[in-house]
């Protein structure tokens, strides 16, 4: 069976269903079904390792007992399948009983279905979708890992699926950030708005070569932690981690901003934090009460910055994506957050990203901030990553690639100031210089070509001159064509 066209097959079937409206719902429908299939395959493996294993899903509702079509004419389909899914399966999974002793491998089933829905209205088409998914053998290591690439495509498709694109960070960006932070086996890694788990899986990929023993494997499987507020990305993240052989995904379905930051203890802190927090949103006033008054920003990304600062271990490291607005913002909360960042942490590097890195989801220009909890900041290096010479824009079909970060990687360990065409491309600013600028970090940005404003009569004369030149070119081309035709 070819995995390469499986997503297309699923989408083609679901496009014929009147209950599904748009790509976002198609992806959500596909994902909860994939989760149940993946989870059932993992349970087969867990049952081999543990003779006493007991599923948290009642027998009747396990994938193997209702979804598999044995071609004997007994498989549910049509109205019977719809009725089963809507009136039995979903209510049962949404109401699974858990407590503080329930392992995460079982908790994720209830959390996954709390806000999931069956959108399909045609039971025959639903049966077709289920049969396609059931073709994949997730118990086979090679096939499970081959499907990671297909799953990555599903995540990329979120970029064009309405506002669901906010949960996907281009893989090149996550891989670059992880490479620069360089996680080591034994360090605890967190993302407090983890979306579909891109940073967590990039970190796992980086750590995998470090596994040498059985004990290393246990450490590896327990090193990542995530929180995600919204249902669809949480479901995608949980499935993503299961596909990466994390059997106990330590991912919470919740809001990182709803706990008072002053209540965090040492046990709540992490060695490494990797994030692309949501920005542009606003939180309720009751959420802002969870932060010291000076840090109560109306911007979601600012609040996440504060959470990070309260949850980073001594000597810990952070890489975070932030919009330009954080760099140049001068409201009281932003100034206070940046002052705390520079006073209590070492903000050593800011990478200015070119436009369209997150296209088509957003055109907002973003930056990568790298800091650690080792000492107060004494200097900050800025580096402007320019658009590759062969590109005008990044897009869904031509996204940013890891190779586009090669100039930064080469510069990273041998930092030198760089000036191009009279503009700073890389430069170090001292903490005193930054304070003098009232904590404005909008430095080494992209040069803007100044538009020359001319007098109206001069503009009209230039326009007439250009029009005359264009008309002359057109007349010349038409004359050549006429000559060719006459000589035939």
Protein backbone atom coordinates (compact mmCIF):
# COMPACT_ATOMS: atom_id res chain seq x y z
CA UNK A 1 0.00 0.00 0.00
CA UNK A 2 1.30 3.45 -0.94
CA UNK A 3 1.17 5.93 1.91
CA UNK A 4 1.90 8.86 -0.38
CA UNK A 5 -1.63 9.28 -1.70
CA UNK A 6 -3.54 8.28 1.43
CA UNK A 7 -4.35 11.85 2.51
CA UNK A 8 -5.57 12.71 -0.97
CA UNK A 9 -7.80 9.63 -1.02
CA UNK A 10 -9.31 10.60 2.34
CA UNK A 11 -9.88 14.19 1.26
CA UNK A 12 -11.47 13.12 -2.03
CA UNK A 13 -13.98 10.93 -0.17
CA UNK A 14 -14.83 13.59 2.41
CA UNK A 15 -15.37 16.27 -0.23
CA UNK A 16 -18.51 14.36 -1.23
CA UNK A 17 -19.96 14.57 2.30
CA UNK A 18 -22.42 17.41 2.88
CA UNK A 19 -21.59 17.58 6.58
CA UNK A 20 -18.00 18.73 6.12
CA UNK A 21 -17.36 22.36 5.30
CA UNK A 22 -13.80 23.17 4.25
CA UNK A 23 -10.29 21.86 4.87
CA UNK A 24 -10.24 22.54 8.61
CA UNK A 25 -13.19 20.21 9.25
CA UNK A 26 -11.78 17.59 6.86
CA UNK A 27 -8.52 17.61 8.81
CA UNK A 28 -10.31 17.43 12.17
CA UNK A 29 -12.48 14.51 10.97
CA UNK A 30 -9.43 12.70 9.60
CA UNK A 31 -7.44 13.26 12.76
CA UNK A 32 -9.77 11.81 15.39
CA UNK A 33 -10.13 8.69 13.24
CA UNK A 34 -6.36 8.47 12.83
CA UNK A 35 -5.93 8.89 16.58
CA UNK A 36 -8.17 5.91 17.31
CA UNK A 37 -6.36 3.78 14.72
CA UNK A 38 -2.92 4.79 16.02
CA UNK A 39 -4.02 4.29 19.63
CA UNK A 40 -5.34 0.81 18.86
CA UNK A 41 -2.04 -0.12 17.22
CA UNK A 42 -0.12 1.16 20.26
CA UNK A 43 -2.40 -0.87 22.53
CA UNK A 44 -1.53 -4.01 20.56
CA UNK A 45 2.13 -3.36 21.36
CA UNK A 46 1.41 -2.54 25.00
CA UNK A 47 -0.55 -5.79 25.35
CA UNK A 48 2.50 -7.73 24.14
CA UNK A 49 4.71 -6.04 26.76
CA UNK A 50 2.16 -6.31 29.59
CA UNK A 51 -0.02 -9.40 30.01
CA UNK A 52 -2.20 -7.48 32.49
CA UNK A 53 -2.76 -4.44 30.26
CA UNK A 54 -6.35 -3.17 30.36
CA UNK A 55 -7.61 -0.55 27.92
CA UNK A 56 -9.37 2.54 29.22
CA UNK A 57 -11.68 2.21 26.18
CA UNK A 58 -14.51 -0.29 26.72
CA UNK A 59 -14.16 -3.32 24.41
CA UNK A 60 -17.11 -2.41 22.22
CA UNK A 61 -15.56 0.96 21.35
CA UNK A 62 -11.98 -0.12 20.57
CA UNK A 63 -11.09 0.39 16.90
CA UNK A 64 -10.53 -3.33 16.31
CA UNK A 65 -14.08 -4.13 17.42
CA UNK A 66 -16.15 -1.63 15.42
CA UNK A 67 -14.02 -0.05 12.69
CA UNK A 68 -12.30 -3.03 11.08
CA UNK A 69 -14.13 -4.43 8.04
CA UNK A 70 -13.53 -8.18 7.88
CA UNK A 71 -15.34 -8.35 4.53
CA UNK A 72 -17.96 -10.70 5.98
CA UNK A 73 -20.88 -8.30 5.59
CA UNK A 74 -21.12 -7.47 9.30
CA UNK A 75 -19.18 -4.17 9.35
CA UNK A 76 -21.20 -1.14 10.38
CA UNK A 77 -22.01 1.24 7.53
CA UNK A 78 -24.62 3.76 6.43
CA UNK A 79 -27.13 4.94 9.05
CA UNK A 80 -26.12 2.19 11.50
CA UNK A 81 -22.51 3.44 11.51
CA UNK A 82 -23.58 7.07 11.89
CA UNK A 83 -25.88 6.19 14.78
CA UNK A 84 -23.14 4.20 16.52
CA UNK A 85 -20.54 6.97 16.18
CA UNK A 86 -22.85 9.83 17.18
CA UNK A 87 -24.94 8.25 19.94
CA UNK A 88 -22.58 5.64 21.42
CA UNK A 89 -18.89 6.09 20.53
CA UNK A 90 -18.52 9.83 21.12
CA UNK A 91 -20.59 9.99 24.33
CA UNK A 92 -18.64 7.03 25.71
CA UNK A 93 -15.20 8.47 24.95
CA UNK A 94 -16.12 11.95 26.14
CA UNK A 95 -17.23 10.54 29.51
CA UNK A 96 -14.36 8.18 30.29
CA UNK A 97 -13.64 8.31 34.01
CA UNK A 98 -10.13 9.31 35.05
CA UNK A 99 -8.44 10.34 38.28
CA UNK A 100 -5.02 11.48 39.48
CA UNK A 101 -3.65 7.94 39.20
CA UNK A 102 -4.67 7.46 35.54
CA UNK A 103 -1.53 7.33 33.34
CA UNK A 104 -1.16 9.91 30.54
CA UNK A 105 -1.38 7.16 27.94
CA UNK A 106 -5.01 6.75 29.00
CA UNK A 107 -5.84 10.33 29.99
CA UNK A 108 -5.20 11.48 26.42
CA UNK A 109 -8.18 9.46 25.15
CA UNK A 110 -10.67 11.47 27.19
CA UNK A 111 -8.82 14.75 26.57
CA UNK A 112 -8.74 14.09 22.84
CA UNK A 113 -12.49 13.62 22.54
CA UNK A 114 -13.65 16.34 24.95
CA UNK A 115 -14.01 18.83 22.07
CA UNK A 116 -13.98 16.57 19.01
CA UNK A 117 -16.96 16.03 16.72
CA UNK A 118 -18.09 13.78 13.89
CA UNK A 119 -18.94 16.10 10.99
CA UNK A 120 -19.77 13.45 8.39
CA UNK A 121 -23.43 12.88 7.56
CA UNK A 122 -23.09 10.08 5.04
CA UNK A 123 -22.46 6.74 6.74
CA UNK A 124 -21.37 5.04 3.52
CA UNK A 125 -18.68 7.68 2.93
CA UNK A 126 -17.63 7.43 6.58
CA UNK A 127 -17.17 3.67 6.11
CA UNK A 128 -14.98 4.37 3.08
CA UNK A 129 -12.81 6.79 5.10
CA UNK A 130 -12.45 4.27 7.93
CA UNK A 131 -11.44 1.51 5.50
CA UNK A 132 -8.70 3.67 3.95
CA UNK A 133 -7.28 4.52 7.38
CA UNK A 134 -7.44 0.88 8.45
CA UNK A 135 -5.11 -0.06 5.59
CA UNK A 136 -2.19 1.47 7.49
CA UNK A 137 -0.41 -0.96 9.81
CA UNK A 138 0.75 1.25 12.66
CA UNK A 139 2.11 -1.77 14.57
CA UNK A 140 4.90 -2.01 11.99
CA UNK A 141 7.80 0.27 12.93
CA UNK A 142 8.78 1.12 9.34
CA UNK A 143 5.22 1.91 8.26
CA UNK A 144 4.55 3.95 11.41
CA UNK A 145 7.63 6.06 10.81
CA UNK A 146 6.95 6.35 7.09
CA UNK A 147 3.57 7.76 8.02
CA UNK A 148 5.32 10.52 10.00
CA UNK A 149 6.03 12.16 6.65
CA UNK A 150 2.37 11.90 5.65
CA UNK A 151 1.32 13.27 9.01
CA UNK A 152 3.70 16.18 8.47
CA UNK A 153 1.78 16.94 5.27
CA UNK A 154 -1.48 16.99 7.23
CA UNK A 155 0.07 19.55 9.58
CA UNK A 156 1.27 21.66 6.65
CA UNK A 157 -2.22 21.58 5.20
CA UNK A 158 -3.36 23.45 8.30
CA UNK A 159 -1.63 26.50 6.89
CA UNK A 160 -4.37 26.90 4.31
CA UNK A 161 -7.20 25.61 6.50
CA UNK A 162 -8.58 28.91 7.79
CA UNK A 163 -7.27 30.09 11.14
CA UNK A 164 -6.10 26.57 12.02
CA UNK A 165 -2.79 27.54 10.38
CA UNK A 166 -1.77 29.34 13.54
CA UNK A 167 -0.82 26.01 15.07
CA UNK A 168 1.84 25.11 12.52
CA UNK A 169 5.41 26.43 12.70
CA UNK A 170 7.48 25.63 9.58
CA UNK A 171 9.67 22.62 10.29
CA UNK A 172 12.81 24.46 9.19
CA UNK A 173 12.19 27.07 11.89
CA UNK A 174 11.65 24.52 14.68
CA UNK A 175 14.67 22.47 13.58
CA UNK A 176 16.91 25.55 13.46
CA UNK A 177 15.82 26.74 16.90
CA UNK A 178 16.36 23.28 18.38
CA UNK A 179 19.78 23.02 16.73
CA UNK A 180 20.90 26.32 18.25
CA UNK A 181 19.58 25.47 21.74
CA UNK A 182 21.12 21.98 21.45
CA UNK A 183 19.07 19.89 23.95
CA UNK A 184 20.88 17.10 25.77
CA UNK A 185 19.42 13.82 26.98
CA UNK A 186 18.28 14.28 30.58
CA UNK A 187 17.08 17.86 30.10
CA UNK A 188 13.37 18.59 30.42
CA UNK A 189 11.89 20.39 27.41
CA UNK A 190 8.61 22.33 27.37
CA UNK A 191 6.30 24.23 25.05
CA UNK A 192 3.43 26.02 26.85
CA UNK A 193 1.41 26.57 23.65
CA UNK A 194 2.52 23.45 21.83
CA UNK A 195 0.02 23.41 18.97
CA UNK A 196 0.57 20.25 16.95
CA UNK A 197 3.82 19.41 18.74
CA UNK A 198 6.33 20.68 16.16
CA UNK A 199 8.91 21.89 18.66
CA UNK A 200 8.56 18.77 20.79
CA UNK A 201 9.06 16.40 17.86
CA UNK A 202 11.98 18.47 16.52
CA UNK A 203 13.61 18.17 19.96
CA UNK A 204 12.98 14.41 20.01
CA UNK A 205 14.57 14.06 16.58
CA UNK A 206 17.61 15.96 17.86
CA UNK A 207 17.85 13.76 20.98
CA UNK A 208 17.33 10.37 19.28
CA UNK A 209 21.00 9.87 18.24
CA UNK A 210 22.03 10.34 21.89
CA UNK A 211 20.19 7.15 22.98
CA UNK A 212 22.76 4.44 23.80
CA UNK A 213 21.10 2.35 26.53
CA UNK A 214 17.67 1.19 27.73
CA UNK A 215 17.88 3.80 30.50
CA UNK A 216 18.55 6.48 27.86
CA UNK A 217 15.39 5.38 26.02
CA UNK A 218 13.33 5.76 29.21
CA UNK A 219 14.79 9.24 29.75
CA UNK A 220 14.07 10.15 26.13
CA UNK A 221 10.42 9.07 26.39
CA UNK A 222 9.84 11.31 29.40
CA UNK A 223 11.69 14.46 28.39
CA UNK A 224 9.01 16.56 26.64
CA UNK A 225 6.04 18.43 28.08
CA UNK A 226 3.36 20.47 26.36
CA UNK A 227 0.17 22.40 27.02
CA UNK A 228 -2.34 23.24 24.30
CA UNK A 229 -5.54 25.20 24.78
CA UNK A 230 -7.47 24.28 21.62
CA UNK A 231 -8.95 20.89 20.79
CA UNK A 232 -7.78 20.26 17.21
CA UNK A 233 -4.06 20.97 17.73
CA UNK A 234 -4.13 19.05 21.02
CA UNK A 235 -5.50 16.02 19.18
CA UNK A 236 -2.89 16.43 16.45
CA UNK A 237 -0.11 16.76 19.03
CA UNK A 238 -1.14 13.67 21.01
CA UNK A 239 -1.26 11.60 17.82
CA UNK A 240 2.04 13.10 16.64
CA UNK A 241 3.82 12.03 19.85
CA UNK A 242 2.33 8.53 19.72
CA UNK A 243 3.66 8.21 16.18
CA UNK A 244 7.08 9.22 17.54
CA UNK A 245 6.90 6.31 20.04
CA UNK A 246 6.19 8.50 23.07
CA UNK A 247 3.79 6.10 24.78
CA UNK A 248 2.97 8.42 27.67
CA UNK A 249 2.57 11.82 25.95
CA UNK A 250 2.88 14.40 28.71
CA UNK A 251 0.64 16.91 26.96
CA UNK A 252 -2.08 18.80 28.82
CA UNK A 253 -5.29 20.11 27.25
CA UNK A 254 -5.51 23.47 28.98
CA UNK A 255 -4.48 27.13 29.12
CA UNK A 256 -0.97 27.93 30.36
CA UNK A 257 -2.05 31.44 31.31
CA UNK A 258 -4.70 30.37 33.82
CA UNK A 259 -2.29 29.70 36.69
CA UNK A 260 -0.80 32.45 38.84
CA UNK A 261 2.85 32.70 37.82
CA UNK A 262 3.85 33.42 41.43
CA UNK A 263 2.66 29.93 42.41
CA UNK A 264 5.20 28.06 40.29
CA UNK A 265 7.73 26.00 42.25
CA UNK A 266 11.04 24.51 41.20
CA UNK A 267 9.21 21.34 40.16
CA UNK A 268 7.26 23.38 37.60
CA UNK A 269 10.41 24.61 35.83
CA UNK A 270 12.25 23.32 32.76
CA UNK A 271 15.76 23.24 31.34
CA UNK A 272 14.67 24.19 27.84
CA UNK A 273 11.62 26.07 26.57
CA UNK A 274 10.82 26.24 22.86
CA UNK A 275 7.80 28.25 21.74
CA UNK A 276 5.90 30.06 19.05
CA UNK A 277 3.20 31.57 21.29
CA UNK A 278 -0.06 32.86 19.84
CA UNK A 279 0.11 36.60 19.24
CA UNK A 280 -2.39 39.24 18.31
CA UNK A 281 -4.96 37.85 20.76
CA UNK A 282 -6.29 39.24 24.01
CA UNK A 283 -6.93 37.42 27.27
CA UNK A 284 -9.72 38.08 29.74
CA UNK A 285 -9.01 40.42 32.65
CA UNK A 286 -9.28 37.51 35.09
CA UNK A 287 -6.33 35.85 33.30
CA UNK A 288 -4.25 39.01 33.60
CA UNK A 289 -4.68 38.80 37.37
CA UNK A 290 -2.31 35.82 37.27
CA UNK A 291 0.59 38.19 36.57
CA UNK A 292 2.27 40.95 38.60
CA UNK A 293 0.58 44.27 37.86
CA UNK A 294 3.57 45.64 35.92
CA UNK A 295 3.50 42.65 33.54
CA UNK A 296 -0.25 42.63 32.80
CA UNK A 297 -0.20 43.08 29.07
CA UNK A 298 -3.21 42.90 26.77
CA UNK A 299 -1.08 40.98 24.23
CA UNK A 300 -1.07 37.18 24.55
CA UNK A 301 2.56 36.81 23.44
CA UNK A 302 3.69 39.17 26.21
CA UNK A 303 1.93 37.06 28.84
CA UNK A 304 3.63 33.92 27.53
CA UNK A 305 6.98 35.67 27.82
CA UNK A 306 6.26 36.18 31.51
CA UNK A 307 5.23 32.52 31.94
CA UNK A 308 8.53 31.46 30.35
CA UNK A 309 10.55 33.67 32.68
CA UNK A 310 8.81 32.20 35.73
CA UNK A 311 9.18 28.59 34.52
CA UNK A 312 12.82 28.49 33.38
CA UNK A 313 15.34 26.64 35.53
CA UNK A 314 18.66 28.16 36.53
CA UNK A 315 21.04 27.80 33.54
CA UNK A 316 18.03 26.95 31.36
CA UNK A 317 17.77 27.98 27.70
CA UNK A 318 14.95 29.46 25.63
CA UNK A 319 14.22 29.96 21.93
CA UNK A 320 10.98 31.76 21.08
CA UNK A 321 9.26 33.23 18.01
CA UNK A 322 7.94 36.76 18.58
CA UNK A 323 6.47 39.44 16.28
CA UNK A 324 8.08 42.81 15.59
CA UNK A 325 5.57 44.41 17.94
CA UNK A 326 7.34 42.91 20.95
CA UNK A 327 10.66 44.38 19.84
CA UNK A 328 9.56 47.97 19.32
CA UNK A 329 6.59 48.08 21.72
CA UNK A 330 6.78 50.92 24.24
CA UNK A 331 3.65 50.44 26.37
CA UNK A 332 4.30 50.07 30.08
CA UNK A 333 3.82 46.28 30.18
CA UNK A 334 6.17 45.61 27.25
CA UNK A 335 8.83 47.86 28.75
CA UNK A 336 8.49 46.05 32.10
CA UNK A 337 8.70 42.60 30.46
CA UNK A 338 11.78 43.56 28.44
CA UNK A 339 13.41 45.14 31.47
CA UNK A 340 12.83 41.93 33.47
CA UNK A 341 14.13 39.85 30.57
CA UNK A 342 17.35 41.86 30.25
CA UNK A 343 17.90 42.24 33.98
CA UNK A 344 17.29 38.64 35.10
CA UNK A 345 18.21 36.72 31.93
CA UNK A 346 20.89 36.73 29.27
CA UNK A 347 19.23 37.71 25.98
CA UNK A 348 22.21 36.96 23.76
CA UNK A 349 20.75 36.72 20.23
CA UNK A 350 17.87 38.06 18.13
CA UNK A 351 17.44 36.74 14.59
CA UNK A 352 15.30 38.96 12.35
CA UNK A 353 13.37 36.67 9.98
CA UNK A 354 12.46 37.68 6.42
CA UNK A 355 8.84 38.32 5.52
CA UNK A 356 6.45 35.50 4.52
CA UNK A 357 8.15 32.79 6.64
CA UNK A 358 4.72 31.95 8.06
CA UNK A 359 2.82 32.45 4.78
CA UNK A 360 0.05 31.94 3.98
CA UNK A 361 -1.20 32.01 7.59
CA UNK A 362 0.20 35.43 8.43
CA UNK A 363 2.33 38.13 6.83
CA UNK A 364 3.42 39.53 10.22
CA UNK A 365 7.21 39.83 10.38
CA UNK A 366 8.69 37.66 13.13
CA UNK A 367 11.90 37.21 15.08
CA UNK A 368 13.70 34.46 16.97
CA UNK A 369 14.87 35.37 20.48
CA UNK A 370 17.45 33.21 22.27
CA UNK A 371 18.15 33.69 25.96
CA UNK A 372 19.26 31.78 29.02
CA UNK A 373 19.12 32.05 32.79
CA UNK A 374 22.83 32.33 33.49
CA UNK A 375 23.42 36.03 34.13
CA UNK A 376 21.97 39.47 33.39
CA UNK A 377 22.27 40.64 29.79
CA UNK A 378 25.37 42.68 29.02
CA UNK A 379 25.09 42.66 25.21
CA UNK A 380 22.67 41.45 22.53
CA UNK A 381 23.69 40.29 19.08
CA UNK A 382 21.29 40.97 16.21
CA UNK A 383 21.39 39.17 12.87
CA UNK A 384 19.18 39.91 9.88
CA UNK A 385 18.41 36.81 7.84
CA UNK A 386 17.75 38.00 4.30
CA UNK A 387 15.44 36.40 1.75
CA UNK A 388 17.39 33.91 -0.43
CA UNK A 389 18.50 35.41 -3.74
CA UNK A 390 16.34 32.96 -5.70
CA UNK A 391 13.12 33.82 -3.84
CA UNK A 392 10.86 36.85 -3.65
CA UNK A 393 8.58 35.20 -1.09
CA UNK A 394 8.13 31.99 0.84
CA UNK A 395 4.86 30.16 0.29
CA UNK A 396 3.06 26.93 1.09
CA UNK A 397 4.56 25.25 -1.97
CA UNK A 398 7.99 26.87 -1.51
CA UNK A 399 8.45 27.16 2.27
CA UNK A 400 11.56 28.21 4.13
CA UNK A 401 14.06 25.33 4.36
CA UNK A 402 16.77 24.55 6.92
CA UNK A 403 19.44 25.34 4.31
CA UNK A 404 18.22 28.95 4.29
CA UNK A 405 19.52 29.24 7.86
CA UNK A 406 23.06 28.25 6.81
CA UNK A 407 24.34 31.87 6.89
CA UNK A 408 23.15 32.24 10.50
CA UNK A 409 24.60 28.89 11.54
CA UNK A 410 27.96 29.83 10.00
CA UNK A 411 27.91 33.22 11.77
CA UNK A 412 26.63 31.86 15.12
CA UNK A 413 29.94 30.59 16.53
CA UNK A 414 32.11 33.29 14.94
CA UNK A 415 30.15 36.47 15.46
CA UNK A 416 31.27 39.54 13.60
CA UNK A 417 29.48 42.78 12.70
CA UNK A 418 28.23 42.83 9.11
CA UNK A 419 27.17 45.90 7.14
CA UNK A 420 25.59 45.80 3.69
CA UNK A 421 24.77 48.85 1.57
CA UNK A 422 25.15 51.07 4.60
CA UNK A 423 22.72 49.02 6.74
CA UNK A 424 23.59 46.81 9.71
CA UNK A 425 22.99 43.13 8.95
CA UNK A 426 24.68 41.90 12.13
CA UNK A 427 25.66 44.01 15.11
CA UNK A 428 26.13 43.81 18.85
CA UNK A 429 24.44 46.35 21.13
CA UNK A 430 25.40 46.80 24.77
CA UNK A 431 22.80 46.81 27.51
CA UNK A 432 23.48 50.52 28.06
CA UNK A 433 22.77 51.28 24.40
CA UNK A 434 19.50 49.34 24.62
CA UNK A 435 18.46 51.14 27.80
CA UNK A 436 19.16 54.46 26.09
CA UNK A 437 16.73 53.40 23.38
CA UNK A 438 14.08 52.76 26.07
CA UNK A 439 14.33 49.00 25.50
CA UNK A 440 13.52 49.27 21.81
CA UNK A 441 14.91 46.05 20.31
CA UNK A 442 13.88 46.86 16.73
CA UNK A 443 17.50 46.88 15.54
CA UNK A 444 19.27 45.50 12.44
CA UNK A 445 15.90 45.39 10.72
CA UNK A 446 15.19 45.29 7.02
CA UNK A 447 16.08 48.50 5.15
CA UNK A 448 13.13 50.30 3.64
CA UNK A 449 13.57 52.09 0.35
CA UNK A 450 12.51 55.69 0.80
CA UNK A 451 9.97 56.79 -1.81
CA UNK A 452 10.89 60.13 -3.37
CA UNK A 453 7.97 62.53 -3.40
CA UNK A 454 8.04 64.81 -6.48
CA UNK A 455 6.06 67.84 -7.56
CA UNK A 456 2.91 67.06 -9.66
CA UNK A 457 4.26 68.64 -12.87
CA UNK A 458 7.49 66.59 -12.56
CA UNK A 459 5.51 63.37 -12.00
CA UNK A 460 3.32 64.08 -15.04
CA UNK A 461 6.39 64.72 -17.19
CA UNK A 462 8.00 61.46 -16.04
CA UNK A 463 4.79 59.53 -16.73
CA UNK A 464 4.49 60.97 -20.25
CA UNK A 465 8.13 60.12 -20.94
CA UNK A 466 7.68 56.50 -19.78
CA UNK A 467 4.47 56.15 -21.80
CA UNK A 468 6.16 57.45 -24.93
CA UNK A 469 9.02 55.00 -24.44
CA UNK A 470 6.62 52.05 -23.97
CA UNK A 471 4.61 53.08 -27.06
CA UNK A 472 7.79 53.22 -29.11
CA UNK A 473 8.76 49.70 -27.97
CA UNK A 474 5.31 48.38 -28.85
CA UNK A 475 5.42 50.03 -32.30
CA UNK A 476 8.85 48.51 -32.93
CA UNK A 477 7.70 44.99 -32.03
CA UNK A 478 4.56 45.31 -34.16
CA UNK A 479 6.67 46.48 -37.12
CA UNK A 480 8.95 43.44 -36.78
CA UNK A 481 5.94 41.09 -36.68
CA UNK A 482 4.44 42.77 -39.76
CA UNK A 483 7.72 42.40 -41.68
CA UNK A 484 7.91 38.70 -40.80
CA UNK A 485 4.35 38.09 -41.95
CA UNK A 486 4.87 40.00 -45.25
CA UNK A 487 7.98 37.95 -46.05
CA UNK A 488 6.17 34.62 -45.69
